[in-house]
């Protein structure tokens, strides 16, 4: 594994190289797409990107948990969590690359 993390700057640079927009326009385009995704998820909508995957928000109920170090019980508040489910195309691509590295 390379340990590389893809950042907003990396995405902007890729858009810049692929489309020939200015660096500023590329950064604005990436920010706009991420903003649309964020707003949709905040509003409780699913975000489905063909051949990539689906992002959704799931409601988790409150429950009683335990501190693993002390064993003491603690209340865990209800919360919303982000869930990503990759498409079969992405899964196949990842598994294909993993088998090529072996």
PDB file of N, CA and C in Angstrom:
ATOM      1  N   UNK A   1       0.830  -1.175   0.000  1.00  0.00           N
ATOM      2  CA  UNK A   1       0.000   0.000   0.000  1.00  0.00           C
ATOM      3  C   UNK A   1       0.881   1.247   0.000  1.00  0.00           C
ATOM      4  N   UNK A   2       0.483   2.255  -0.733  1.00  0.00           N
ATOM      5  CA  UNK A   2       1.318   3.446  -0.848  1.00  0.00           C
ATOM      6  C   UNK A   2       1.137   4.388   0.328  1.00  0.00           C
ATOM      7  N   UNK A   3      -0.009   4.373   0.985  1.00  0.00           N
ATOM      8  CA  UNK A   3      -0.246   5.259   2.111  1.00  0.00           C
ATOM      9  C   UNK A   3      -0.627   6.662   1.685  1.00  0.00           C
ATOM     10  N   UNK A   4      -0.818   6.903   0.400  1.00  0.00           N
ATOM     11  CA  UNK A   4      -1.165   8.229  -0.124  1.00  0.00           C
ATOM     12  C   UNK A   4      -2.630   8.512   0.141  1.00  0.00           C
ATOM     13  N   UNK A   5      -2.918   9.746   0.542  1.00  0.00           N
ATOM     14  CA  UNK A   5      -4.286  10.199   0.730  1.00  0.00           C
ATOM     15  C   UNK A   5      -4.620  11.190  -0.374  1.00  0.00           C
ATOM     16  N   UNK A   6      -5.755  10.985  -1.033  1.00  0.00           N
ATOM     17  CA  UNK A   6      -6.184  11.905  -2.076  1.00  0.00           C
ATOM     18  C   UNK A   6      -6.880  13.085  -1.404  1.00  0.00           C
ATOM     19  N   UNK A   7      -6.418  14.290  -1.711  1.00  0.00           N
ATOM     20  CA  UNK A   7      -6.949  15.503  -1.106  1.00  0.00           C
ATOM     21  C   UNK A   7      -7.761  16.300  -2.120  1.00  0.00           C
ATOM     22  N   UNK A   8      -8.409  17.358  -1.640  1.00  0.00           N
ATOM     23  CA  UNK A   8      -9.138  18.265  -2.534  1.00  0.00           C
ATOM     24  C   UNK A   8      -8.194  18.846  -3.571  1.00  0.00           C
ATOM     25  N   UNK A   9      -6.994  19.177  -3.156  1.00  0.00           N
ATOM     26  CA  UNK A   9      -6.003  19.735  -4.083  1.00  0.00           C
ATOM     27  C   UNK A   9      -5.666  18.728  -5.181  1.00  0.00           C
ATOM     28  N   UNK A  10      -5.547  17.455  -4.820  1.00  0.00           N
ATOM     29  CA  UNK A  10      -5.285  16.409  -5.815  1.00  0.00           C
ATOM     30  C   UNK A  10      -6.436  16.301  -6.808  1.00  0.00           C
ATOM     31  N   UNK A  11      -7.663  16.356  -6.296  1.00  0.00           N
ATOM     32  CA  UNK A  11      -8.832  16.299  -7.175  1.00  0.00           C
ATOM     33  C   UNK A  11      -8.865  17.497  -8.119  1.00  0.00           C
ATOM     34  N   UNK A  12      -8.596  18.672  -7.575  1.00  0.00           N
ATOM     35  CA  UNK A  12      -8.569  19.891  -8.393  1.00  0.00           C
ATOM     36  C   UNK A  12      -7.504  19.801  -9.471  1.00  0.00           C
ATOM     37  N   UNK A  13      -6.349  19.285  -9.112  1.00  0.00           N
ATOM     38  CA  UNK A  13      -5.255  19.138 -10.076  1.00  0.00           C
ATOM     39  C   UNK A  13      -5.643  18.150 -11.184  1.00  0.00           C
ATOM     40  N   UNK A  14      -6.336  17.083 -10.828  1.00  0.00           N
ATOM     41  CA  UNK A  14      -6.790  16.112 -11.827  1.00  0.00           C
ATOM     42  C   UNK A  14      -7.797  16.739 -12.784  1.00  0.00           C
ATOM     43  N   UNK A  15      -8.719  17.533 -12.251  1.00  0.00           N
ATOM     44  CA  UNK A  15      -9.694  18.233 -13.101  1.00  0.00           C
ATOM     45  C   UNK A  15      -8.957  19.208 -14.014  1.00  0.00           C
ATOM     46  N   UNK A  16      -7.995  19.926 -13.461  1.00  0.00           N
ATOM     47  CA  UNK A  16      -7.198  20.872 -14.235  1.00  0.00           C
ATOM     48  C   UNK A  16      -6.506  20.168 -15.407  1.00  0.00           C
ATOM     49  N   UNK A  17      -5.883  19.024 -15.129  1.00  0.00           N
ATOM     50  CA  UNK A  17      -5.165  18.291 -16.174  1.00  0.00           C
ATOM     51  C   UNK A  17      -6.100  17.665 -17.199  1.00  0.00           C
ATOM     52  N   UNK A  18      -7.251  17.179 -16.757  1.00  0.00           N
ATOM     53  CA  UNK A  18      -8.171  16.477 -17.657  1.00  0.00           C
ATOM     54  C   UNK A  18      -8.994  17.426 -18.522  1.00  0.00           C
ATOM     55  N   UNK A  19      -9.424  18.548 -17.964  1.00  0.00           N
ATOM     56  CA  UNK A  19     -10.350  19.422 -18.678  1.00  0.00           C
ATOM     57  C   UNK A  19      -9.712  20.692 -19.220  1.00  0.00           C
ATOM     58  N   UNK A  20      -8.556  21.044 -18.706  1.00  0.00           N
ATOM     59  CA  UNK A  20      -7.903  22.243 -19.196  1.00  0.00           C
ATOM     60  C   UNK A  20      -8.494  23.536 -18.652  1.00  0.00           C
ATOM     61  N   UNK A  21      -9.306  23.433 -17.599  1.00  0.00           N
ATOM     62  CA  UNK A  21      -9.810  24.633 -16.942  1.00  0.00           C
ATOM     63  C   UNK A  21      -8.652  25.281 -16.186  1.00  0.00           C
ATOM     64  N   UNK A  22      -8.840  26.516 -15.760  1.00  0.00           N
ATOM     65  CA  UNK A  22      -7.805  27.133 -14.934  1.00  0.00           C
ATOM     66  C   UNK A  22      -7.771  26.411 -13.590  1.00  0.00           C
ATOM     67  N   UNK A  23      -6.685  26.578 -12.860  1.00  0.00           N
ATOM     68  CA  UNK A  23      -6.579  25.925 -11.544  1.00  0.00           C
ATOM     69  C   UNK A  23      -7.677  26.435 -10.610  1.00  0.00           C
ATOM     70  N   UNK A  24      -7.978  27.728 -10.693  1.00  0.00           N
ATOM     71  CA  UNK A  24      -9.012  28.319  -9.852  1.00  0.00           C
ATOM     72  C   UNK A  24     -10.392  27.752 -10.201  1.00  0.00           C
ATOM     73  N   UNK A  25     -10.690  27.645 -11.493  1.00  0.00           N
ATOM     74  CA  UNK A  25     -11.975  27.076 -11.924  1.00  0.00           C
ATOM     75  C   UNK A  25     -12.076  25.602 -11.525  1.00  0.00           C
ATOM     76  N   UNK A  26     -10.975  24.890 -11.639  1.00  0.00           N
ATOM     77  CA  UNK A  26     -10.961  23.471 -11.244  1.00  0.00           C
ATOM     78  C   UNK A  26     -11.250  23.320  -9.760  1.00  0.00           C
ATOM     79  N   UNK A  27     -10.626  24.158  -8.942  1.00  0.00           N
ATOM     80  CA  UNK A  27     -10.853  24.102  -7.495  1.00  0.00           C
ATOM     81  C   UNK A  27     -12.302  24.453  -7.169  1.00  0.00           C
ATOM     82  N   UNK A  28     -12.857  25.456  -7.843  1.00  0.00           N
ATOM     83  CA  UNK A  28     -14.252  25.836  -7.616  1.00  0.00           C
ATOM     84  C   UNK A  28     -15.206  24.712  -8.017  1.00  0.00           C
ATOM     85  N   UNK A  29     -14.899  24.014  -9.109  1.00  0.00           N
ATOM     86  CA  UNK A  29     -15.733  22.897  -9.562  1.00  0.00           C
ATOM     87  C   UNK A  29     -15.730  21.769  -8.529  1.00  0.00           C
ATOM     88  N   UNK A  30     -14.557  21.419  -8.032  1.00  0.00           N
ATOM     89  CA  UNK A  30     -14.454  20.360  -7.014  1.00  0.00           C
ATOM     90  C   UNK A  30     -15.215  20.776  -5.756  1.00  0.00           C
ATOM     91  N   UNK A  31     -15.035  22.012  -5.303  1.00  0.00           N
ATOM     92  CA  UNK A  31     -15.737  22.510  -4.115  1.00  0.00           C
ATOM     93  C   UNK A  31     -17.243  22.476  -4.311  1.00  0.00           C
ATOM     94  N   UNK A  32     -17.693  22.836  -5.495  1.00  0.00           N
ATOM     95  CA  UNK A  32     -19.133  22.837  -5.793  1.00  0.00           C
ATOM     96  C   UNK A  32     -19.719  21.430  -5.728  1.00  0.00           C
ATOM     97  N   UNK A  33     -19.019  20.474  -6.306  1.00  0.00           N
ATOM     98  CA  UNK A  33     -19.495  19.081  -6.284  1.00  0.00           C
ATOM     99  C   UNK A  33     -19.543  18.560  -4.846  1.00  0.00           C
ATOM    100  N   UNK A  34     -18.483  18.813  -4.084  1.00  0.00           N
ATOM    101  CA  UNK A  34     -18.456  18.346  -2.693  1.00  0.00           C
ATOM    102  C   UNK A  34     -19.541  19.027  -1.862  1.00  0.00           C
ATOM    103  N   UNK A  35     -19.797  20.299  -2.124  1.00  0.00           N
ATOM    104  CA  UNK A  35     -20.853  21.030  -1.417  1.00  0.00           C
ATOM    105  C   UNK A  35     -22.224  20.433  -1.722  1.00  0.00           C
ATOM    106  N   UNK A  36     -22.477  20.113  -2.991  1.00  0.00           N
ATOM    107  CA  UNK A  36     -23.761  19.502  -3.364  1.00  0.00           C
ATOM    108  C   UNK A  36     -23.944  18.148  -2.676  1.00  0.00           C
ATOM    109  N   UNK A  37     -22.898  17.362  -2.639  1.00  0.00           N
ATOM    110  CA  UNK A  37     -22.961  16.058  -1.967  1.00  0.00           C
ATOM    111  C   UNK A  37     -23.235  16.248  -0.480  1.00  0.00           C
ATOM    112  N   UNK A  38     -22.537  17.180   0.155  1.00  0.00           N
ATOM    113  CA  UNK A  38     -22.708  17.433   1.586  1.00  0.00           C
ATOM    114  C   UNK A  38     -24.121  17.886   1.917  1.00  0.00           C
ATOM    115  N   UNK A  39     -24.652  18.799   1.127  1.00  0.00           N
ATOM    116  CA  UNK A  39     -26.006  19.313   1.368  1.00  0.00           C
ATOM    117  C   UNK A  39     -27.032  18.195   1.212  1.00  0.00           C
ATOM    118  N   UNK A  40     -26.882  17.381   0.178  1.00  0.00           N
ATOM    119  CA  UNK A  40     -27.824  16.282  -0.043  1.00  0.00           C
ATOM    120  C   UNK A  40     -27.798  15.307   1.131  1.00  0.00           C
ATOM    121  N   UNK A  41     -26.620  14.958   1.611  1.00  0.00           N
ATOM    122  CA  UNK A  41     -26.511  14.029   2.735  1.00  0.00           C
ATOM    123  C   UNK A  41     -27.066  14.642   4.016  1.00  0.00           C
ATOM    124  N   UNK A  42     -26.806  15.918   4.231  1.00  0.00           N
ATOM    125  CA  UNK A  42     -27.335  16.614   5.408  1.00  0.00           C
ATOM    126  C   UNK A  42     -28.857  16.631   5.390  1.00  0.00           C
ATOM    127  N   UNK A  43     -29.437  16.728   4.200  1.00  0.00           N
ATOM    128  CA  UNK A  43     -30.895  16.729   4.050  1.00  0.00           C
ATOM    129  C   UNK A  43     -31.494  15.329   4.106  1.00  0.00           C
ATOM    130  N   UNK A  44     -30.650  14.311   4.304  1.00  0.00           N
ATOM    131  CA  UNK A  44     -31.132  12.944   4.429  1.00  0.00           C
ATOM    132  C   UNK A  44     -31.304  12.219   3.108  1.00  0.00           C
ATOM    133  N   UNK A  45     -30.811  12.786   2.019  1.00  0.00           N
ATOM    134  CA  UNK A  45     -30.922  12.147   0.706  1.00  0.00           C
ATOM    135  C   UNK A  45     -29.771  11.171   0.497  1.00  0.00           C
ATOM    136  N   UNK A  46     -29.977  10.218  -0.403  1.00  0.00           N
ATOM    137  CA  UNK A  46     -28.897   9.326  -0.818  1.00  0.00           C
ATOM    138  C   UNK A  46     -28.174   9.981  -1.975  1.00  0.00           C
ATOM    139  N   UNK A  47     -26.863   9.738  -2.061  1.00  0.00           N
ATOM    140  CA  UNK A  47     -26.065  10.223  -3.181  1.00  0.00           C
ATOM    141  C   UNK A  47     -25.508   9.001  -3.889  1.00  0.00           C
ATOM    142  N   UNK A  48     -25.963   8.789  -5.119  1.00  0.00           N
ATOM    143  CA  UNK A  48     -25.548   7.620  -5.887  1.00  0.00           C
ATOM    144  C   UNK A  48     -24.702   8.084  -7.059  1.00  0.00           C
ATOM    145  N   UNK A  49     -23.459   7.607  -7.103  1.00  0.00           N
ATOM    146  CA  UNK A  49     -22.556   7.937  -8.192  1.00  0.00           C
ATOM    147  C   UNK A  49     -22.336   6.649  -8.981  1.00  0.00           C
ATOM    148  N   UNK A  50     -22.834   6.648 -10.202  1.00  0.00           N
ATOM    149  CA  UNK A  50     -22.802   5.459 -11.047  1.00  0.00           C
ATOM    150  C   UNK A  50     -21.384   4.911 -11.174  1.00  0.00           C
ATOM    151  N   UNK A  51     -21.243   3.605 -11.082  1.00  0.00           N
ATOM    152  CA  UNK A  51     -19.976   2.884 -11.181  1.00  0.00           C
ATOM    153  C   UNK A  51     -18.995   3.230 -10.064  1.00  0.00           C
ATOM    154  N   UNK A  52     -19.463   3.916  -9.009  1.00  0.00           N
ATOM    155  CA  UNK A  52     -18.599   4.241  -7.879  1.00  0.00           C
ATOM    156  C   UNK A  52     -19.215   3.728  -6.594  1.00  0.00           C
ATOM    157  N   UNK A  53     -20.417   4.225  -6.240  1.00  0.00           N
ATOM    158  CA  UNK A  53     -21.056   3.763  -5.025  1.00  0.00           C
ATOM    159  C   UNK A  53     -22.146   4.702  -4.564  1.00  0.00           C
ATOM    160  N   UNK A  54     -22.713   4.389  -3.399  1.00  0.00           N
ATOM    161  CA  UNK A  54     -23.810   5.153  -2.838  1.00  0.00           C
ATOM    162  C   UNK A  54     -23.455   5.601  -1.423  1.00  0.00           C
ATOM    163  N   UNK A  55     -23.650   6.884  -1.176  1.00  0.00           N
ATOM    164  CA  UNK A  55     -23.492   7.456   0.161  1.00  0.00           C
ATOM    165  C   UNK A  55     -24.880   7.651   0.741  1.00  0.00           C
ATOM    166  N   UNK A  56     -25.056   7.319   2.007  1.00  0.00           N
ATOM    167  CA  UNK A  56     -26.339   7.557   2.668  1.00  0.00           C
ATOM    168  C   UNK A  56     -26.089   7.821   4.147  1.00  0.00           C
ATOM    169  N   UNK A  57     -27.114   8.367   4.798  1.00  0.00           N
ATOM    170  CA  UNK A  57     -27.036   8.655   6.229  1.00  0.00           C
ATOM    171  C   UNK A  57     -27.985   7.705   6.937  1.00  0.00           C
ATOM    172  N   UNK A  58     -27.496   7.069   8.003  1.00  0.00           N
ATOM    173  CA  UNK A  58     -28.308   6.128   8.762  1.00  0.00           C
ATOM    174  C   UNK A  58     -28.488   6.655  10.181  1.00  0.00           C
ATOM    175  N   UNK A  59     -29.687   6.478  10.707  1.00  0.00           N
ATOM    176  CA  UNK A  59     -29.998   6.885  12.082  1.00  0.00           C
ATOM    177  C   UNK A  59     -29.647   5.726  13.013  1.00  0.00           C
ATOM    178  N   UNK A  60     -28.877   6.005  14.046  1.00  0.00           N
ATOM    179  CA  UNK A  60     -28.566   4.987  15.049  1.00  0.00           C
ATOM    180  C   UNK A  60     -29.244   5.381  16.350  1.00  0.00           C
ATOM    181  N   UNK A  61     -29.842   4.416  16.989  1.00  0.00           N
ATOM    182  CA  UNK A  61     -30.548   4.662  18.244  1.00  0.00           C
ATOM    183  C   UNK A  61     -29.558   4.832  19.397  1.00  0.00           C
ATOM    184  N   UNK A  62     -30.028   5.485  20.445  1.00  0.00           N
ATOM    185  CA  UNK A  62     -29.224   5.583  21.659  1.00  0.00           C
ATOM    186  C   UNK A  62     -29.147   4.215  22.326  1.00  0.00           C
ATOM    187  N   UNK A  63     -28.090   3.994  23.060  1.00  0.00           N
ATOM    188  CA  UNK A  63     -27.925   2.706  23.726  1.00  0.00           C
ATOM    189  C   UNK A  63     -26.964   2.870  24.896  1.00  0.00           C
ATOM    190  N   UNK A  64     -26.858   1.822  25.662  1.00  0.00           N
ATOM    191  CA  UNK A  64     -25.909   1.810  26.768  1.00  0.00           C
ATOM    192  C   UNK A  64     -24.682   1.037  26.305  1.00  0.00           C
ATOM    193  N   UNK A  65     -23.522   1.671  26.430  1.00  0.00           N
ATOM    194  CA  UNK A  65     -22.275   1.031  26.044  1.00  0.00           C
ATOM    195  C   UNK A  65     -21.382   0.870  27.254  1.00  0.00           C
ATOM    196  N   UNK A  66     -20.208   0.331  27.039  1.00  0.00           N
ATOM    197  CA  UNK A  66     -19.261   0.110  28.117  1.00  0.00           C
ATOM    198  C   UNK A  66     -17.901   0.672  27.730  1.00  0.00           C
ATOM    199  N   UNK A  67     -17.264   1.307  28.686  1.00  0.00           N
ATOM    200  CA  UNK A  67     -15.891   1.736  28.499  1.00  0.00           C
ATOM    201  C   UNK A  67     -15.035   0.466  28.561  1.00  0.00           C
ATOM    202  N   UNK A  68     -14.344   0.100  27.482  1.00  0.00           N
ATOM    203  CA  UNK A  68     -13.593  -1.160  27.484  1.00  0.00           C
ATOM    204  C   UNK A  68     -12.439  -1.181  28.487  1.00  0.00           C
ATOM    205  N   UNK A  69     -11.956  -0.020  28.852  1.00  0.00           N
ATOM    206  CA  UNK A  69     -10.829   0.031  29.778  1.00  0.00           C
ATOM    207  C   UNK A  69     -11.284  -0.188  31.221  1.00  0.00           C
ATOM    208  N   UNK A  70     -12.391   0.484  31.614  1.00  0.00           N
ATOM    209  CA  UNK A  70     -12.823   0.424  33.008  1.00  0.00           C
ATOM    210  C   UNK A  70     -14.018  -0.490  33.226  1.00  0.00           C
ATOM    211  N   UNK A  71     -14.739  -0.822  32.138  1.00  0.00           N
ATOM    212  CA  UNK A  71     -15.941  -1.638  32.280  1.00  0.00           C
ATOM    213  C   UNK A  71     -17.148  -0.826  32.726  1.00  0.00           C
ATOM    214  N   UNK A  72     -16.971   0.466  32.908  1.00  0.00           N
ATOM    215  CA  UNK A  72     -18.055   1.333  33.373  1.00  0.00           C
ATOM    216  C   UNK A  72     -19.060   1.574  32.244  1.00  0.00           C
ATOM    217  N   UNK A  73     -20.354   1.509  32.584  1.00  0.00           N
ATOM    218  CA  UNK A  73     -21.397   1.752  31.605  1.00  0.00           C
ATOM    219  C   UNK A  73     -21.486   3.242  31.291  1.00  0.00           C
ATOM    220  N   UNK A  74     -21.816   3.533  30.025  1.00  0.00           N
ATOM    221  CA  UNK A  74     -21.956   4.919  29.601  1.00  0.00           C
ATOM    222  C   UNK A  74     -23.067   4.985  28.566  1.00  0.00           C
ATOM    223  N   UNK A  75     -23.855   6.054  28.614  1.00  0.00           N
ATOM    224  CA  UNK A  75     -24.929   6.238  27.639  1.00  0.00           C
ATOM    225  C   UNK A  75     -24.333   6.741  26.327  1.00  0.00           C
ATOM    226  N   UNK A  76     -24.765   6.135  25.232  1.00  0.00           N
ATOM    227  CA  UNK A  76     -24.369   6.575  23.893  1.00  0.00           C
ATOM    228  C   UNK A  76     -25.594   7.209  23.268  1.00  0.00           C
ATOM    229  N   UNK A  77     -25.493   8.483  22.937  1.00  0.00           N
ATOM    230  CA  UNK A  77     -26.622   9.233  22.400  1.00  0.00           C
ATOM    231  C   UNK A  77     -26.988   8.768  20.996  1.00  0.00           C
ATOM    232  N   UNK A  78     -28.255   8.976  20.600  1.00  0.00           N
ATOM    233  CA  UNK A  78     -28.639   8.690  19.212  1.00  0.00           C
ATOM    234  C   UNK A  78     -27.829   9.593  18.278  1.00  0.00           C
ATOM    235  N   UNK A  79     -27.525   9.091  17.096  1.00  0.00           N
ATOM    236  CA  UNK A  79     -26.733   9.882  16.164  1.00  0.00           C
ATOM    237  C   UNK A  79     -26.985   9.436  14.739  1.00  0.00           C
ATOM    238  N   UNK A  80     -26.497  10.239  13.829  1.00  0.00           N
ATOM    239  CA  UNK A  80     -26.569   9.920  12.405  1.00  0.00           C
ATOM    240  C   UNK A  80     -25.162   9.569  11.942  1.00  0.00           C
ATOM    241  N   UNK A  81     -25.041   8.526  11.149  1.00  0.00           N
ATOM    242  CA  UNK A  81     -23.732   8.103  10.649  1.00  0.00           C
ATOM    243  C   UNK A  81     -23.752   8.031   9.131  1.00  0.00           C
ATOM    244  N   UNK A  82     -22.622   8.343   8.535  1.00  0.00           N
ATOM    245  CA  UNK A  82     -22.476   8.286   7.092  1.00  0.00           C
ATOM    246  C   UNK A  82     -22.087   6.869   6.692  1.00  0.00           C
ATOM    247  N   UNK A  83     -22.760   6.350   5.677  1.00  0.00           N
ATOM    248  CA  UNK A  83     -22.506   4.994   5.204  1.00  0.00           C
ATOM    249  C   UNK A  83     -22.157   5.061   3.719  1.00  0.00           C
ATOM    250  N   UNK A  84     -21.124   4.341   3.307  1.00  0.00           N
ATOM    251  CA  UNK A  84     -20.756   4.244   1.894  1.00  0.00           C
ATOM    252  C   UNK A  84     -20.842   2.795   1.471  1.00  0.00           C
ATOM    253  N   UNK A  85     -21.546   2.573   0.385  1.00  0.00           N
ATOM    254  CA  UNK A  85     -21.639   1.224  -0.167  1.00  0.00           C
ATOM    255  C   UNK A  85     -21.063   1.260  -1.581  1.00  0.00           C
ATOM    256  N   UNK A  86     -19.915   0.617  -1.799  1.00  0.00           N
ATOM    257  CA  UNK A  86     -19.293   0.670  -3.122  1.00  0.00           C
ATOM    258  C   UNK A  86     -20.089  -0.127  -4.153  1.00  0.00           C
ATOM    259  N   UNK A  87     -20.007   0.311  -5.407  1.00  0.00           N
ATOM    260  CA  UNK A  87     -20.673  -0.413  -6.491  1.00  0.00           C
ATOM    261  C   UNK A  87     -19.891  -1.688  -6.801  1.00  0.00           C
ATOM    262  N   UNK A  88     -20.517  -2.582  -7.532  1.00  0.00           N
ATOM    263  CA  UNK A  88     -19.838  -3.820  -7.927  1.00  0.00           C
ATOM    264  C   UNK A  88     -18.674  -3.503  -8.863  1.00  0.00           C
ATOM    265  N   UNK A  89     -18.829  -2.463  -9.678  1.00  0.00           N
ATOM    266  CA  UNK A  89     -17.753  -2.065 -10.583  1.00  0.00           C
ATOM    267  C   UNK A  89     -16.513  -1.666  -9.779  1.00  0.00           C
ATOM    268  N   UNK A  90     -16.697  -0.858  -8.748  1.00  0.00           N
ATOM    269  CA  UNK A  90     -15.579  -0.427  -7.904  1.00  0.00           C
ATOM    270  C   UNK A  90     -14.977  -1.607  -7.147  1.00  0.00           C
ATOM    271  N   UNK A  91     -15.834  -2.476  -6.611  1.00  0.00           N
ATOM    272  CA  UNK A  91     -15.331  -3.655  -5.900  1.00  0.00           C
ATOM    273  C   UNK A  91     -14.477  -4.528  -6.820  1.00  0.00           C
ATOM    274  N   UNK A  92     -14.975  -4.754  -8.036  1.00  0.00           N
ATOM    275  CA  UNK A  92     -14.234  -5.581  -8.993  1.00  0.00           C
ATOM    276  C   UNK A  92     -12.893  -4.946  -9.351  1.00  0.00           C
ATOM    277  N   UNK A  93     -12.883  -3.620  -9.530  1.00  0.00           N
ATOM    278  CA  UNK A  93     -11.661  -2.906  -9.857  1.00  0.00           C
ATOM    279  C   UNK A  93     -10.644  -3.018  -8.722  1.00  0.00           C
ATOM    280  N   UNK A  94     -11.108  -2.851  -7.504  1.00  0.00           N
ATOM    281  CA  UNK A  94     -10.217  -2.946  -6.333  1.00  0.00           C
ATOM    282  C   UNK A  94      -9.657  -4.356  -6.207  1.00  0.00           C
ATOM    283  N   UNK A  95     -10.508  -5.371  -6.357  1.00  0.00           N
ATOM    284  CA  UNK A  95     -10.051  -6.753  -6.243  1.00  0.00           C
ATOM    285  C   UNK A  95      -9.122  -7.143  -7.386  1.00  0.00           C
ATOM    286  N   UNK A  96      -9.369  -6.607  -8.581  1.00  0.00           N
ATOM    287  CA  UNK A  96      -8.502  -6.869  -9.727  1.00  0.00           C
ATOM    288  C   UNK A  96      -7.112  -6.298  -9.478  1.00  0.00           C
ATOM    289  N   UNK A  97      -7.061  -5.066  -8.945  1.00  0.00           N
ATOM    290  CA  UNK A  97      -5.756  -4.457  -8.651  1.00  0.00           C
ATOM    291  C   UNK A  97      -5.042  -5.181  -7.523  1.00  0.00           C
ATOM    292  N   UNK A  98      -5.791  -5.690  -6.541  1.00  0.00           N
ATOM    293  CA  UNK A  98      -5.178  -6.412  -5.425  1.00  0.00           C
ATOM    294  C   UNK A  98      -4.548  -7.723  -5.928  1.00  0.00           C
ATOM    295  N   UNK A  99      -5.230  -8.399  -6.850  1.00  0.00           N
ATOM    296  CA  UNK A  99      -4.693  -9.672  -7.337  1.00  0.00           C
ATOM    297  C   UNK A  99      -3.488  -9.441  -8.245  1.00  0.00           C
ATOM    298  N   UNK A 100      -3.429  -8.288  -8.921  1.00  0.00           N
ATOM    299  CA  UNK A 100      -2.275  -7.977  -9.764  1.00  0.00           C
ATOM    300  C   UNK A 100      -1.022  -7.663  -8.952  1.00  0.00           C
ATOM    301  N   UNK A 101      -1.187  -7.189  -7.731  1.00  0.00           N
ATOM    302  CA  UNK A 101      -0.063  -6.845  -6.873  1.00  0.00           C
ATOM    303  C   UNK A 101       0.551  -8.070  -6.216  1.00  0.00           C
ATOM    304  N   UNK A 102      -0.235  -9.127  -6.093  1.00  0.00           N
ATOM    305  CA  UNK A 102       0.234 -10.328  -5.382  1.00  0.00           C
ATOM    306  C   UNK A 102       1.222 -11.120  -6.198  1.00  0.00           C
TER     307      UNK A 102
END
